[in-house]
Amino acid sequence: MKNLFSLLVTFILLHTFSAHSQLGPKDLIQLQYAAAKQNTLDLYLPKTYTEATPVIILLHGGAWMMGGNEYTGKTAKDLRNRGFVVANVDYRYVNDTVHGRDLLMDIDKAVTFIQKKAAEYHYKPAGYHIAGISAGAHLALLYGYTSLKSIKSITALCPPTQLDDPETLTALQKNNLVKNVELLANAAYTPGKIPNPKFTTVSPYAHVKAIPTLLFHGDKDDLVPYTQSAFLYEILKEKKVISKFITMEGKGHDCGMNQPDSEKRVLDEIVKWVEEYN
């Protein structure tokens, strides 16, 4: 009886973690995860994976009100080709009726949708990693630190992290981005006055919790100041959160993702980070 029980347990474990193979990588494009037109995602499945394979939620940039997941399509495929399941998520733009909490709601609905699809495509049903660049990096941090769902790690490239700081808002104003932040926070900003507490609510630094966090930032970023990542990194160290900050020397707001050598460096670091904290 004891031997029979051991065989049964072994069978269950082998069945649960057996590799799922297909004829090649599979791209499931424009899956509708919620009602809004922009509530779509692309799900990229590698050629071989198991329920232990890391799943990465990827969020595009675009100052919270432009572009789409085509911005991160290449990165999503690159990570898929390195063996990960990747969900490249689009979300609504901020406007007079859609604000930061609504974008977080979009991401949460996307994660729920991805979890529901796990049984159909035989990948990990929970415990995902989240990554993004620029506005997507901001949302990855904010969602990761505030979500009740299990997030294994966060990767943020050139993220805005402190949107209640007057100096940061002054820097963003040079690129006419303060209005975007006002819509994100659902509050107005008056130069020379203390920002509304709603600007703190949409600032990732104010919600830090113990999720391993990997930061990249170009030291020549002329859109989101390099100090944004440096500031968050100091808070992460102070709170003893597992973290790493990589300076992309000589790189701007693309964080080096448009040059093959630095792009490879970023991807290599993401792979190591995700595998270590999966």
C-alpha atoms as a PDB file:
ATOM      1  CA  MET A   1       0.000   0.000   0.000  1.00  0.00           C
ATOM      2  CA  LYS A   2       2.856   2.356   0.873  1.00  0.00           C
ATOM      3  CA  ASN A   3       4.551   1.654  -2.472  1.00  0.00           C
ATOM      4  CA  LEU A   4       1.268   2.193  -4.292  1.00  0.00           C
ATOM      5  CA  PHE A   5       0.829   5.572  -2.563  1.00  0.00           C
ATOM      6  CA  SER A   6       4.388   6.611  -3.526  1.00  0.00           C
ATOM      7  CA  LEU A   7       3.762   5.668  -7.140  1.00  0.00           C
ATOM      8  CA  LEU A   8       0.527   7.663  -7.149  1.00  0.00           C
ATOM      9  CA  VAL A   9       2.249  10.767  -5.752  1.00  0.00           C
ATOM     10  CA  THR A  10       5.043  10.415  -8.316  1.00  0.00           C
ATOM     11  CA  PHE A  11       2.496  10.109 -11.133  1.00  0.00           C
ATOM     12  CA  ILE A  12       0.657  13.235  -9.995  1.00  0.00           C
ATOM     13  CA  LEU A  13       3.878  15.247  -9.772  1.00  0.00           C
ATOM     14  CA  LEU A  14       5.063  14.095 -13.176  1.00  0.00           C
ATOM     15  CA  HIS A  15       1.680  14.930 -14.679  1.00  0.00           C
ATOM     16  CA  THR A  16       1.617  18.361 -13.051  1.00  0.00           C
ATOM     17  CA  PHE A  17       5.099  19.462 -14.107  1.00  0.00           C
ATOM     18  CA  SER A  18       5.466  17.562 -17.383  1.00  0.00           C
ATOM     19  CA  ALA A  19       6.675  19.677 -20.273  1.00  0.00           C
ATOM     20  CA  HIS A  20       4.031  20.978 -22.636  1.00  0.00           C
ATOM     21  CA  SER A  21       5.403  20.828 -26.185  1.00  0.00           C
ATOM     22  CA  GLN A  22       4.056  22.226 -29.435  1.00  0.00           C
ATOM     23  CA  LEU A  23       5.308  22.412 -32.999  1.00  0.00           C
ATOM     24  CA  GLY A  24       6.750  25.850 -32.389  1.00  0.00           C
ATOM     25  CA  PRO A  25       6.226  29.043 -30.397  1.00  0.00           C
ATOM     26  CA  LYS A  26       2.578  30.049 -30.337  1.00  0.00           C
ATOM     27  CA  ASP A  27       1.374  33.657 -30.599  1.00  0.00           C
ATOM     28  CA  LEU A  28      -2.169  34.314 -29.377  1.00  0.00           C
ATOM     29  CA  ILE A  29      -2.828  37.851 -30.596  1.00  0.00           C
ATOM     30  CA  GLN A  30      -5.412  40.450 -29.560  1.00  0.00           C
ATOM     31  CA  LEU A  31      -7.113  38.449 -26.829  1.00  0.00           C
ATOM     32  CA  GLN A  32      -9.906  40.557 -25.287  1.00  0.00           C
ATOM     33  CA  TYR A  33      -9.523  40.450 -21.514  1.00  0.00           C
ATOM     34  CA  ALA A  34     -12.138  43.111 -20.619  1.00  0.00           C
ATOM     35  CA  ALA A  35     -14.788  45.309 -22.248  1.00  0.00           C
ATOM     36  CA  ALA A  36     -12.877  48.413 -23.401  1.00  0.00           C
ATOM     37  CA  LYS A  37     -11.401  48.472 -26.914  1.00  0.00           C
ATOM     38  CA  GLN A  38      -7.856  48.733 -25.556  1.00  0.00           C
ATOM     39  CA  ASN A  39      -8.354  45.854 -23.119  1.00  0.00           C
ATOM     40  CA  THR A  40      -6.446  43.344 -25.225  1.00  0.00           C
ATOM     41  CA  LEU A  41      -3.275  41.357 -24.744  1.00  0.00           C
ATOM     42  CA  ASP A  42      -0.966  39.163 -26.788  1.00  0.00           C
ATOM     43  CA  LEU A  43      -0.003  35.865 -25.170  1.00  0.00           C
ATOM     44  CA  TYR A  44       3.310  34.369 -26.301  1.00  0.00           C
ATOM     45  CA  LEU A  45       3.973  30.702 -25.531  1.00  0.00           C
ATOM     46  CA  PRO A  46       7.447  29.159 -25.976  1.00  0.00           C
ATOM     47  CA  LYS A  47       7.972  25.906 -27.812  1.00  0.00           C
ATOM     48  CA  THR A  48       8.338  23.945 -24.572  1.00  0.00           C
ATOM     49  CA  TYR A  49       7.176  24.933 -21.102  1.00  0.00           C
ATOM     50  CA  THR A  50       5.769  23.501 -17.878  1.00  0.00           C
ATOM     51  CA  GLU A  51       3.687  24.810 -14.995  1.00  0.00           C
ATOM     52  CA  ALA A  52       6.978  25.827 -13.386  1.00  0.00           C
ATOM     53  CA  THR A  53       7.916  28.104 -16.315  1.00  0.00           C
ATOM     54  CA  PRO A  54       7.933  31.803 -15.322  1.00  0.00           C
ATOM     55  CA  VAL A  55       5.088  33.947 -16.649  1.00  0.00           C
ATOM     56  CA  ILE A  56       5.898  37.618 -17.322  1.00  0.00           C
ATOM     57  CA  ILE A  57       3.271  40.370 -17.595  1.00  0.00           C
ATOM     58  CA  LEU A  58       4.730  43.091 -19.851  1.00  0.00           C
ATOM     59  CA  LEU A  59       3.461  46.705 -19.895  1.00  0.00           C
ATOM     60  CA  HIS A  60       4.267  49.224 -22.635  1.00  0.00           C
ATOM     61  CA  GLY A  61       5.173  52.876 -22.234  1.00  0.00           C
ATOM     62  CA  GLY A  62       3.634  55.927 -23.893  1.00  0.00           C
ATOM     63  CA  ALA A  63       3.156  58.516 -21.121  1.00  0.00           C
ATOM     64  CA  TRP A  64      -0.101  56.788 -20.063  1.00  0.00           C
ATOM     65  CA  MET A  65      -1.942  58.147 -23.095  1.00  0.00           C
ATOM     66  CA  MET A  66      -0.388  56.992 -26.359  1.00  0.00           C
ATOM     67  CA  GLY A  67       0.901  53.931 -28.156  1.00  0.00           C
ATOM     68  CA  GLY A  68       0.084  50.341 -27.366  1.00  0.00           C
ATOM     69  CA  ASN A  69       1.615  46.939 -26.814  1.00  0.00           C
ATOM     70  CA  GLU A  70       3.223  47.097 -30.242  1.00  0.00           C
ATOM     71  CA  TYR A  71       5.853  49.174 -28.390  1.00  0.00           C
ATOM     72  CA  THR A  72       6.878  46.080 -26.414  1.00  0.00           C
ATOM     73  CA  GLY A  73       6.116  43.435 -29.028  1.00  0.00           C
ATOM     74  CA  LYS A  74       9.774  42.710 -29.858  1.00  0.00           C
ATOM     75  CA  THR A  75      10.745  42.482 -26.181  1.00  0.00           C
ATOM     76  CA  ALA A  76       7.827  40.132 -25.527  1.00  0.00           C
ATOM     77  CA  LYS A  77       8.957  37.817 -28.328  1.00  0.00           C
ATOM     78  CA  ASP A  78      12.592  38.016 -27.216  1.00  0.00           C
ATOM     79  CA  LEU A  79      11.621  36.913 -23.697  1.00  0.00           C
ATOM     80  CA  ARG A  80       9.372  34.181 -25.109  1.00  0.00           C
ATOM     81  CA  ASN A  81      12.291  32.950 -27.199  1.00  0.00           C
ATOM     82  CA  ARG A  82      14.313  32.702 -23.987  1.00  0.00           C
ATOM     83  CA  GLY A  83      11.760  30.244 -22.636  1.00  0.00           C
ATOM     84  CA  PHE A  84       9.222  32.360 -20.759  1.00  0.00           C
ATOM     85  CA  VAL A  85       5.460  32.631 -21.141  1.00  0.00           C
ATOM     86  CA  VAL A  86       4.835  36.345 -21.840  1.00  0.00           C
ATOM     87  CA  ALA A  87       1.602  38.354 -21.781  1.00  0.00           C
ATOM     88  CA  ASN A  88       2.067  41.694 -23.563  1.00  0.00           C
ATOM     89  CA  VAL A  89      -0.760  43.834 -22.173  1.00  0.00           C
ATOM     90  CA  ASP A  90      -2.474  46.917 -23.579  1.00  0.00           C
ATOM     91  CA  TYR A  91      -4.559  49.201 -21.356  1.00  0.00           C
ATOM     92  CA  ARG A  92      -6.711  52.317 -21.597  1.00  0.00           C
ATOM     93  CA  TYR A  93      -5.320  55.830 -21.882  1.00  0.00           C
ATOM     94  CA  VAL A  94      -5.851  58.317 -19.087  1.00  0.00           C
ATOM     95  CA  ASN A  95      -8.392  61.025 -19.861  1.00  0.00           C
ATOM     96  CA  ASP A  96     -11.021  63.093 -18.029  1.00  0.00           C
ATOM     97  CA  THR A  97     -12.821  59.931 -16.880  1.00  0.00           C
ATOM     98  CA  VAL A  98     -10.030  57.319 -16.839  1.00  0.00           C
ATOM     99  CA  HIS A  99      -7.331  57.699 -14.191  1.00  0.00           C
ATOM    100  CA  GLY A 100      -4.535  55.764 -12.510  1.00  0.00           C
ATOM    101  CA  ARG A 101      -6.807  53.474 -10.519  1.00  0.00           C
ATOM    102  CA  ASP A 102      -8.582  52.541 -13.759  1.00  0.00           C
ATOM    103  CA  LEU A 103      -5.308  51.552 -15.418  1.00  0.00           C
ATOM    104  CA  LEU A 104      -4.487  49.392 -12.389  1.00  0.00           C
ATOM    105  CA  MET A 105      -7.939  47.843 -12.713  1.00  0.00           C
ATOM    106  CA  ASP A 106      -7.181  47.050 -16.372  1.00  0.00           C
ATOM    107  CA  ILE A 107      -3.944  45.327 -15.391  1.00  0.00           C
ATOM    108  CA  ASP A 108      -5.694  43.371 -12.653  1.00  0.00           C
ATOM    109  CA  LYS A 109      -8.352  42.185 -15.110  1.00  0.00           C
ATOM    110  CA  ALA A 110      -5.595  41.162 -17.509  1.00  0.00           C
ATOM    111  CA  VAL A 111      -3.881  39.124 -14.789  1.00  0.00           C
ATOM    112  CA  THR A 112      -7.183  37.453 -13.890  1.00  0.00           C
ATOM    113  CA  PHE A 113      -7.744  36.626 -17.571  1.00  0.00           C
ATOM    114  CA  ILE A 114      -4.238  35.158 -17.884  1.00  0.00           C
ATOM    115  CA  GLN A 115      -4.861  33.037 -14.792  1.00  0.00           C
ATOM    116  CA  LYS A 116      -8.094  31.694 -16.294  1.00  0.00           C
ATOM    117  CA  LYS A 117      -6.292  30.787 -19.531  1.00  0.00           C
ATOM    118  CA  ALA A 118      -3.669  28.787 -17.610  1.00  0.00           C
ATOM    119  CA  ALA A 119      -5.808  25.637 -17.500  1.00  0.00           C
ATOM    120  CA  GLU A 120      -6.376  25.801 -21.254  1.00  0.00           C
ATOM    121  CA  TYR A 121      -2.720  26.293 -22.192  1.00  0.00           C
ATOM    122  CA  HIS A 122      -1.086  24.430 -19.272  1.00  0.00           C
ATOM    123  CA  TYR A 123       1.140  27.144 -17.830  1.00  0.00           C
ATOM    124  CA  LYS A 124       1.565  28.440 -14.264  1.00  0.00           C
ATOM    125  CA  PRO A 125      -1.855  29.441 -12.822  1.00  0.00           C
ATOM    126  CA  ALA A 126      -0.544  32.104 -10.405  1.00  0.00           C
ATOM    127  CA  GLY A 127       2.594  33.783  -9.114  1.00  0.00           C
ATOM    128  CA  TYR A 128       3.597  35.961 -12.055  1.00  0.00           C
ATOM    129  CA  HIS A 129       6.362  38.480 -12.741  1.00  0.00           C
ATOM    130  CA  ILE A 130       5.609  41.978 -14.019  1.00  0.00           C
ATOM    131  CA  ALA A 131       7.793  44.267 -16.106  1.00  0.00           C
ATOM    132  CA  GLY A 132       7.483  47.525 -18.016  1.00  0.00           C
ATOM    133  CA  ILE A 133       9.245  50.496 -19.536  1.00  0.00           C
ATOM    134  CA  SER A 134       8.574  54.197 -18.867  1.00  0.00           C
ATOM    135  CA  ALA A 135       4.858  54.616 -18.026  1.00  0.00           C
ATOM    136  CA  GLY A 136       4.589  50.830 -18.159  1.00  0.00           C
ATOM    137  CA  ALA A 137       7.415  50.587 -15.620  1.00  0.00           C
ATOM    138  CA  HIS A 138       5.545  53.021 -13.362  1.00  0.00           C
ATOM    139  CA  LEU A 139       2.409  50.865 -13.631  1.00  0.00           C
ATOM    140  CA  ALA A 140       4.386  47.654 -13.073  1.00  0.00           C
ATOM    141  CA  LEU A 141       5.775  49.072  -9.829  1.00  0.00           C
ATOM    142  CA  LEU A 142       2.476  50.564  -8.677  1.00  0.00           C
ATOM    143  CA  TYR A 143       0.489  47.430  -9.494  1.00  0.00           C
ATOM    144  CA  GLY A 144       3.090  45.104  -8.006  1.00  0.00           C
ATOM    145  CA  TYR A 145       3.255  47.034  -4.739  1.00  0.00           C
ATOM    146  CA  THR A 146      -0.515  47.470  -4.336  1.00  0.00           C
ATOM    147  CA  SER A 147      -2.014  44.292  -5.793  1.00  0.00           C
ATOM    148  CA  LEU A 148      -3.393  41.512  -3.621  1.00  0.00           C
ATOM    149  CA  LYS A 149      -2.335  38.992  -6.275  1.00  0.00           C
ATOM    150  CA  SER A 150       0.960  37.124  -5.951  1.00  0.00           C
ATOM    151  CA  ILE A 151       3.677  39.003  -7.850  1.00  0.00           C
ATOM    152  CA  LYS A 152       7.041  37.239  -7.752  1.00  0.00           C
ATOM    153  CA  SER A 153       9.202  40.094  -9.043  1.00  0.00           C
ATOM    154  CA  ILE A 154       9.088  43.507 -10.699  1.00  0.00           C
ATOM    155  CA  THR A 155      11.344  44.831 -13.463  1.00  0.00           C
ATOM    156  CA  ALA A 156      11.163  48.564 -14.245  1.00  0.00           C
ATOM    157  CA  LEU A 157      13.006  50.352 -17.061  1.00  0.00           C
ATOM    158  CA  CYS A 158      13.282  54.168 -16.709  1.00  0.00           C
ATOM    159  CA  PRO A 159      10.266  54.455 -14.363  1.00  0.00           C
ATOM    160  CA  PRO A 160       8.672  57.604 -12.922  1.00  0.00           C
ATOM    161  CA  THR A 161       8.558  56.770  -9.207  1.00  0.00           C
ATOM    162  CA  GLN A 162       7.955  60.036  -7.318  1.00  0.00           C
ATOM    163  CA  LEU A 163       5.149  61.998  -8.946  1.00  0.00           C
ATOM    164  CA  ASP A 164       4.478  64.176  -5.899  1.00  0.00           C
ATOM    165  CA  ASP A 165       7.866  65.876  -6.121  1.00  0.00           C
ATOM    166  CA  PRO A 166       7.800  69.476  -7.470  1.00  0.00           C
ATOM    167  CA  GLU A 167      11.256  69.100  -9.051  1.00  0.00           C
ATOM    168  CA  THR A 168      10.101  65.979 -10.881  1.00  0.00           C
ATOM    169  CA  LEU A 169       6.963  67.725 -12.091  1.00  0.00           C
ATOM    170  CA  THR A 170       9.060  70.681 -13.286  1.00  0.00           C
ATOM    171  CA  ALA A 171      11.276  68.264 -15.248  1.00  0.00           C
ATOM    172  CA  LEU A 172       8.231  66.561 -16.761  1.00  0.00           C
ATOM    173  CA  GLN A 173       6.749  69.934 -17.709  1.00  0.00           C
ATOM    174  CA  LYS A 174       9.689  70.488 -20.083  1.00  0.00           C
ATOM    175  CA  ASN A 175       8.161  67.710 -22.173  1.00  0.00           C
ATOM    176  CA  ASN A 176       4.559  68.831 -21.585  1.00  0.00           C
ATOM    177  CA  LEU A 177       3.810  65.771 -19.434  1.00  0.00           C
ATOM    178  CA  VAL A 178       2.342  67.371 -16.313  1.00  0.00           C
ATOM    179  CA  LYS A 179      -1.174  67.190 -17.783  1.00  0.00           C
ATOM    180  CA  ASN A 180      -0.687  63.429 -18.207  1.00  0.00           C
ATOM    181  CA  VAL A 181       0.269  63.117 -14.543  1.00  0.00           C
ATOM    182  CA  GLU A 182      -2.713  65.247 -13.512  1.00  0.00           C
ATOM    183  CA  LEU A 183      -5.020  62.888 -15.390  1.00  0.00           C
ATOM    184  CA  LEU A 184      -3.249  59.907 -13.835  1.00  0.00           C
ATOM    185  CA  ALA A 185      -3.738  61.335 -10.324  1.00  0.00           C
ATOM    186  CA  ASN A 186      -7.144  62.897 -11.066  1.00  0.00           C
ATOM    187  CA  ALA A 187      -5.949  66.134  -9.505  1.00  0.00           C
ATOM    188  CA  ALA A 188      -4.607  69.510 -10.620  1.00  0.00           C
ATOM    189  CA  TYR A 189      -1.080  70.697  -9.953  1.00  0.00           C
ATOM    190  CA  THR A 190      -0.237  74.345  -9.278  1.00  0.00           C
ATOM    191  CA  PRO A 191       3.486  75.181  -9.536  1.00  0.00           C
ATOM    192  CA  GLY A 192       4.848  76.563  -6.296  1.00  0.00           C
ATOM    193  CA  LYS A 193       2.271  74.759  -4.161  1.00  0.00           C
ATOM    194  CA  ILE A 194       2.460  71.400  -2.400  1.00  0.00           C
ATOM    195  CA  PRO A 195       1.023  68.743  -4.733  1.00  0.00           C
ATOM    196  CA  ASN A 196      -2.347  67.215  -3.915  1.00  0.00           C
ATOM    197  CA  PRO A 197      -1.990  63.944  -1.896  1.00  0.00           C
ATOM    198  CA  LYS A 198      -3.423  62.145  -4.933  1.00  0.00           C
ATOM    199  CA  PHE A 199      -0.031  62.619  -6.595  1.00  0.00           C
ATOM    200  CA  THR A 200       1.480  60.579  -3.747  1.00  0.00           C
ATOM    201  CA  THR A 201      -1.169  57.900  -4.259  1.00  0.00           C
ATOM    202  CA  VAL A 202       0.062  57.306  -7.821  1.00  0.00           C
ATOM    203  CA  SER A 203       3.751  57.355  -6.787  1.00  0.00           C
ATOM    204  CA  PRO A 204       5.243  53.846  -6.479  1.00  0.00           C
ATOM    205  CA  TYR A 205       7.720  54.865  -3.746  1.00  0.00           C
ATOM    206  CA  ALA A 206       4.794  55.421  -1.358  1.00  0.00           C
ATOM    207  CA  HIS A 207       3.627  51.797  -1.621  1.00  0.00           C
ATOM    208  CA  VAL A 208       6.859  49.791  -1.528  1.00  0.00           C
ATOM    209  CA  LYS A 209       6.548  46.245  -0.222  1.00  0.00           C
ATOM    210  CA  ALA A 210       8.800  43.201  -0.171  1.00  0.00           C
ATOM    211  CA  ILE A 211       8.797  42.197  -3.836  1.00  0.00           C
ATOM    212  CA  PRO A 212      12.200  41.710  -5.505  1.00  0.00           C
ATOM    213  CA  THR A 213      12.629  44.782  -7.709  1.00  0.00           C
ATOM    214  CA  LEU A 214      15.034  45.230 -10.624  1.00  0.00           C
ATOM    215  CA  LEU A 215      15.579  48.793 -11.857  1.00  0.00           C
ATOM    216  CA  PHE A 216      17.245  50.058 -15.026  1.00  0.00           C
ATOM    217  CA  HIS A 217      17.704  53.721 -15.928  1.00  0.00           C
ATOM    218  CA  GLY A 218      19.706  55.542 -18.579  1.00  0.00           C
ATOM    219  CA  ASP A 219      21.906  58.238 -17.062  1.00  0.00           C
ATOM    220  CA  LYS A 220      21.201  60.419 -20.118  1.00  0.00           C
ATOM    221  CA  ASP A 221      17.410  60.112 -19.861  1.00  0.00           C
ATOM    222  CA  ASP A 222      15.998  63.522 -20.783  1.00  0.00           C
ATOM    223  CA  LEU A 223      12.359  62.533 -20.262  1.00  0.00           C
ATOM    224  CA  VAL A 224      12.208  60.833 -16.851  1.00  0.00           C
ATOM    225  CA  PRO A 225      15.082  61.955 -14.595  1.00  0.00           C
ATOM    226  CA  TYR A 226      17.642  59.287 -13.635  1.00  0.00           C
ATOM    227  CA  THR A 227      17.112  60.374 -10.043  1.00  0.00           C
ATOM    228  CA  GLN A 228      13.658  58.750 -10.104  1.00  0.00           C
ATOM    229  CA  SER A 229      15.129  55.242 -10.077  1.00  0.00           C
ATOM    230  CA  ALA A 230      17.955  56.275  -7.738  1.00  0.00           C
ATOM    231  CA  PHE A 231      15.401  57.640  -5.261  1.00  0.00           C
ATOM    232  CA  LEU A 232      13.327  54.450  -5.288  1.00  0.00           C
ATOM    233  CA  TYR A 233      16.427  52.278  -4.965  1.00  0.00           C
ATOM    234  CA  GLU A 234      17.434  54.085  -1.770  1.00  0.00           C
ATOM    235  CA  ILE A 235      13.984  53.446  -0.302  1.00  0.00           C
ATOM    236  CA  LEU A 236      14.137  49.773  -1.307  1.00  0.00           C
ATOM    237  CA  LYS A 237      17.525  49.412   0.417  1.00  0.00           C
ATOM    238  CA  GLU A 238      16.263  51.265   3.489  1.00  0.00           C
ATOM    239  CA  LYS A 239      13.283  48.906   3.739  1.00  0.00           C
ATOM    240  CA  LYS A 240      15.561  45.911   3.064  1.00  0.00           C
ATOM    241  CA  VAL A 241      13.649  44.904  -0.061  1.00  0.00           C
ATOM    242  CA  ILE A 242      15.623  42.655  -2.412  1.00  0.00           C
ATOM    243  CA  SER A 243      16.602  44.998  -5.226  1.00  0.00           C
ATOM    244  CA  LYS A 244      19.155  45.833  -7.883  1.00  0.00           C
ATOM    245  CA  PHE A 245      19.734  49.078  -9.765  1.00  0.00           C
ATOM    246  CA  ILE A 246      21.555  49.001 -13.099  1.00  0.00           C
ATOM    247  CA  THR A 247      22.720  52.279 -14.608  1.00  0.00           C
ATOM    248  CA  MET A 248      22.638  52.190 -18.401  1.00  0.00           C
ATOM    249  CA  GLU A 249      25.584  54.479 -19.038  1.00  0.00           C
ATOM    250  CA  GLY A 250      25.171  56.917 -21.905  1.00  0.00           C
ATOM    251  CA  LYS A 251      21.621  55.718 -22.609  1.00  0.00           C
ATOM    252  CA  GLY A 252      18.498  57.833 -22.822  1.00  0.00           C
ATOM    253  CA  HIS A 253      14.848  57.084 -22.185  1.00  0.00           C
ATOM    254  CA  ASP A 254      14.907  53.968 -24.370  1.00  0.00           C
ATOM    255  CA  CYS A 255      17.160  52.483 -21.668  1.00  0.00           C
ATOM    256  CA  GLY A 256      19.389  51.095 -24.400  1.00  0.00           C
ATOM    257  CA  MET A 257      16.683  48.836 -25.821  1.00  0.00           C
ATOM    258  CA  ASN A 258      17.240  50.202 -29.336  1.00  0.00           C
ATOM    259  CA  GLN A 259      20.896  49.118 -29.501  1.00  0.00           C
ATOM    260  CA  PRO A 260      21.669  45.387 -29.798  1.00  0.00           C
ATOM    261  CA  ASP A 261      24.504  45.238 -27.253  1.00  0.00           C
ATOM    262  CA  SER A 262      22.698  47.082 -24.459  1.00  0.00           C
ATOM    263  CA  GLU A 263      19.384  45.402 -25.328  1.00  0.00           C
ATOM    264  CA  LYS A 264      21.055  42.011 -24.798  1.00  0.00           C
ATOM    265  CA  ARG A 265      22.440  43.187 -21.467  1.00  0.00           C
ATOM    266  CA  VAL A 266      18.972  44.210 -20.281  1.00  0.00           C
ATOM    267  CA  LEU A 267      17.385  40.958 -21.447  1.00  0.00           C
ATOM    268  CA  ASP A 268      20.150  38.879 -19.838  1.00  0.00           C
ATOM    269  CA  GLU A 269      19.622  40.660 -16.514  1.00  0.00           C
ATOM    270  CA  ILE A 270      15.833  40.223 -16.691  1.00  0.00           C
ATOM    271  CA  VAL A 271      16.222  36.507 -17.386  1.00  0.00           C
ATOM    272  CA  LYS A 272      18.536  36.049 -14.395  1.00  0.00           C
ATOM    273  CA  TRP A 273      16.238  38.079 -12.136  1.00  0.00           C
ATOM    274  CA  VAL A 274      13.054  36.269 -13.089  1.00  0.00           C
ATOM    275  CA  GLU A 275      14.641  32.823 -12.844  1.00  0.00           C
ATOM    276  CA  GLU A 276      16.135  33.612  -9.441  1.00  0.00           C
ATOM    277  CA  TYR A 277      12.847  34.808  -7.938  1.00  0.00           C
ATOM    278  CA  ASN A 278      10.378  32.572  -9.754  1.00  0.00           C
END
